[in-house]
């Protein structure tokens, strides 16, 4: 390889490396808004309400998850823990409509599932209503709080 070509390759490599260093060091990630402000370890009760059945998972602090409705049984700890983690880690990606006039276009009239979470200090958090799938196969979620009903 000629010295001129080697110098050109080294200069290009230095430019690309410098760009990657600057972008990696000085770029800031956008803060994410959580769907529900709760930690996984603070969740004591999860209620899943479907149109045809209700499932209620409960645990005492430091104890395993139990199913108390529709039957009394020990829950699959991995699945219950994954559900609690998914609820606690859920983030708002985008808001479709802050105050929709009709919930039907979003598959939320009625919702397919309503998730209600209670913490160990008996604080019931706002319910999450999960809608049906729309033509683009995107699941829609809404978080009802007082008079404002944003659609996520």
Protein backbone atom coordinates (compact mmCIF):
# COMPACT_ATOMS: atom_id res chain seq x y z
CA UNK A 1 0.00 0.00 0.00
CA UNK A 2 1.29 3.45 -0.81
CA UNK A 3 2.09 5.83 2.04
CA UNK A 4 -0.47 8.31 0.69
CA UNK A 5 -3.28 5.69 0.85
CA UNK A 6 -2.21 4.67 4.35
CA UNK A 7 -2.36 8.30 5.53
CA UNK A 8 -5.82 8.74 3.97
CA UNK A 9 -7.11 5.59 5.68
CA UNK A 10 -5.63 6.69 9.04
CA UNK A 11 -7.18 10.17 8.72
CA UNK A 12 -10.59 8.65 7.89
CA UNK A 13 -10.28 6.22 10.79
CA UNK A 14 -9.37 9.08 13.14
CA UNK A 15 -12.39 11.11 11.94
CA UNK A 16 -14.83 8.22 12.39
CA UNK A 17 -13.33 7.33 15.78
CA UNK A 18 -13.45 10.97 16.92
CA UNK A 19 -17.08 11.27 15.83
CA UNK A 20 -18.01 8.08 17.69
CA UNK A 21 -16.21 9.29 20.81
CA UNK A 22 -17.93 12.68 20.78
CA UNK A 23 -21.39 11.26 20.11
CA UNK A 24 -20.97 8.55 22.73
CA UNK A 25 -19.65 10.88 25.39
CA UNK A 26 -21.82 13.95 24.93
CA UNK A 27 -25.15 12.53 23.82
CA UNK A 28 -27.80 12.40 26.51
CA UNK A 29 -30.54 9.85 26.67
CA UNK A 30 -34.02 11.24 26.90
CA UNK A 31 -35.64 10.67 30.28
CA UNK A 32 -38.42 8.10 30.10
CA UNK A 33 -41.75 8.51 31.84
CA UNK A 34 -42.92 5.41 33.67
CA UNK A 35 -46.43 4.19 33.07
CA UNK A 36 -46.96 3.65 36.81
CA UNK A 37 -44.59 5.01 39.43
CA UNK A 38 -43.94 1.85 41.44
CA UNK A 39 -41.03 -0.45 42.19
CA UNK A 40 -41.35 -4.18 41.59
CA UNK A 41 -40.57 -4.98 45.23
CA UNK A 42 -43.36 -2.64 46.43
CA UNK A 43 -46.15 -4.48 44.58
CA UNK A 44 -48.30 -6.54 46.96
CA UNK A 45 -51.33 -7.28 44.79
CA UNK A 46 -52.01 -7.51 41.06
CA UNK A 47 -55.58 -7.74 39.79
CA UNK A 48 -56.16 -8.77 36.18
CA UNK A 49 -59.76 -8.22 35.06
CA UNK A 50 -60.81 -9.81 31.79
CA UNK A 51 -64.32 -9.77 30.33
CA UNK A 52 -64.92 -13.38 31.41
CA UNK A 53 -62.76 -13.82 34.52
CA UNK A 54 -60.68 -12.14 37.21
CA UNK A 55 -57.25 -13.24 38.39
CA UNK A 56 -55.81 -11.86 41.62
CA UNK A 57 -52.19 -12.41 42.68
CA UNK A 58 -51.15 -11.50 46.24
CA UNK A 59 -47.97 -11.71 48.25
CA UNK A 60 -46.84 -10.71 51.70
CA UNK A 61 -43.53 -8.90 52.10
CA UNK A 62 -40.73 -11.40 51.58
CA UNK A 63 -43.15 -14.22 50.77
CA UNK A 64 -43.95 -15.92 47.44
CA UNK A 65 -46.81 -14.94 45.15
CA UNK A 66 -50.17 -16.70 45.61
CA UNK A 67 -53.25 -16.85 43.40
CA UNK A 68 -56.28 -15.98 45.52
CA UNK A 69 -58.87 -15.66 42.76
CA UNK A 70 -60.35 -17.64 41.00
CA UNK A 71 -58.77 -20.41 43.12
CA UNK A 72 -56.40 -20.45 46.05
CA UNK A 73 -53.04 -21.80 44.90
CA UNK A 74 -49.34 -21.03 44.77
CA UNK A 75 -48.44 -18.95 41.74
CA UNK A 76 -45.61 -19.67 39.32
CA UNK A 77 -43.01 -17.39 40.93
CA UNK A 78 -41.13 -16.70 37.71
CA UNK A 79 -44.28 -15.71 35.82
CA UNK A 80 -45.66 -13.61 38.68
CA UNK A 81 -42.29 -11.90 39.10
CA UNK A 82 -42.13 -11.21 35.36
CA UNK A 83 -45.62 -9.69 35.47
CA UNK A 84 -44.68 -7.45 38.41
CA UNK A 85 -41.46 -6.42 36.65
CA UNK A 86 -43.33 -5.63 33.42
CA UNK A 87 -45.77 -3.43 35.34
CA UNK A 88 -43.02 -1.66 37.28
CA UNK A 89 -40.75 -1.18 34.25
CA UNK A 90 -43.46 -0.12 31.79
CA UNK A 91 -42.62 3.19 30.12
CA UNK A 92 -44.64 5.65 28.09
CA UNK A 93 -43.50 5.55 24.49
CA UNK A 94 -45.89 8.08 23.01
CA UNK A 95 -49.29 9.64 23.67
CA UNK A 96 -51.84 9.17 20.92
CA UNK A 97 -54.60 11.36 22.38
CA UNK A 98 -54.68 13.26 25.69
CA UNK A 99 -58.46 13.49 25.99
CA UNK A 100 -60.20 11.18 23.52
CA UNK A 101 -63.91 11.71 22.90
CA UNK A 102 -64.41 8.01 22.21
CA UNK A 103 -62.35 5.06 23.45
CA UNK A 104 -63.73 2.55 20.91
CA UNK A 105 -61.24 3.35 18.09
CA UNK A 106 -58.44 2.42 20.49
CA UNK A 107 -59.95 -0.93 21.46
CA UNK A 108 -60.68 0.37 24.96
CA UNK A 109 -64.48 0.24 24.97
CA UNK A 110 -64.49 -2.12 26.73
CA UNK A 111 -60.81 -2.83 27.44
CA UNK A 112 -59.65 -6.40 26.95
CA UNK A 113 -57.78 -6.35 30.27
CA UNK A 114 -57.70 -4.01 33.25
CA UNK A 115 -54.63 -4.23 35.49
CA UNK A 116 -54.85 -2.81 39.00
CA UNK A 117 -51.84 -2.73 41.32
CA UNK A 118 -51.84 -2.31 45.10
CA UNK A 119 -48.67 -1.64 47.09
CA UNK A 120 -47.71 -2.95 50.51
CA UNK A 121 -48.89 0.31 52.11
CA UNK A 122 -52.41 -0.38 50.68
CA UNK A 123 -52.12 2.33 48.03
CA UNK A 124 -54.11 1.38 44.92
CA UNK A 125 -52.43 2.83 41.85
CA UNK A 126 -54.29 4.04 38.73
CA UNK A 127 -55.53 1.14 36.63
CA UNK A 128 -53.97 0.29 33.29
CA UNK A 129 -56.51 -0.58 30.62
CA UNK A 130 -55.16 -2.67 27.79
CA UNK A 131 -56.99 -2.38 24.48
CA UNK A 132 -57.30 -4.67 21.52
CA UNK A 133 -54.96 -4.83 18.58
CA UNK A 134 -55.48 -2.37 15.76
CA UNK A 135 -54.70 -2.93 12.09
CA UNK A 136 -51.00 -2.20 12.58
CA UNK A 137 -50.84 -4.77 15.41
CA UNK A 138 -49.95 -2.23 18.06
CA UNK A 139 -51.31 -2.85 21.53
CA UNK A 140 -52.73 0.31 23.02
CA UNK A 141 -52.66 1.12 26.71
CA UNK A 142 -54.37 3.88 28.61
CA UNK A 143 -53.84 5.08 32.14
CA UNK A 144 -57.01 6.58 33.65
CA UNK A 145 -56.42 9.39 36.13
CA UNK A 146 -59.28 11.60 37.32
CA UNK A 147 -60.90 13.47 34.42
CA UNK A 148 -57.90 13.24 32.10
CA UNK A 149 -57.76 10.06 30.05
CA UNK A 150 -54.59 9.95 27.93
CA UNK A 151 -54.24 7.20 25.37
CA UNK A 152 -50.74 5.74 25.06
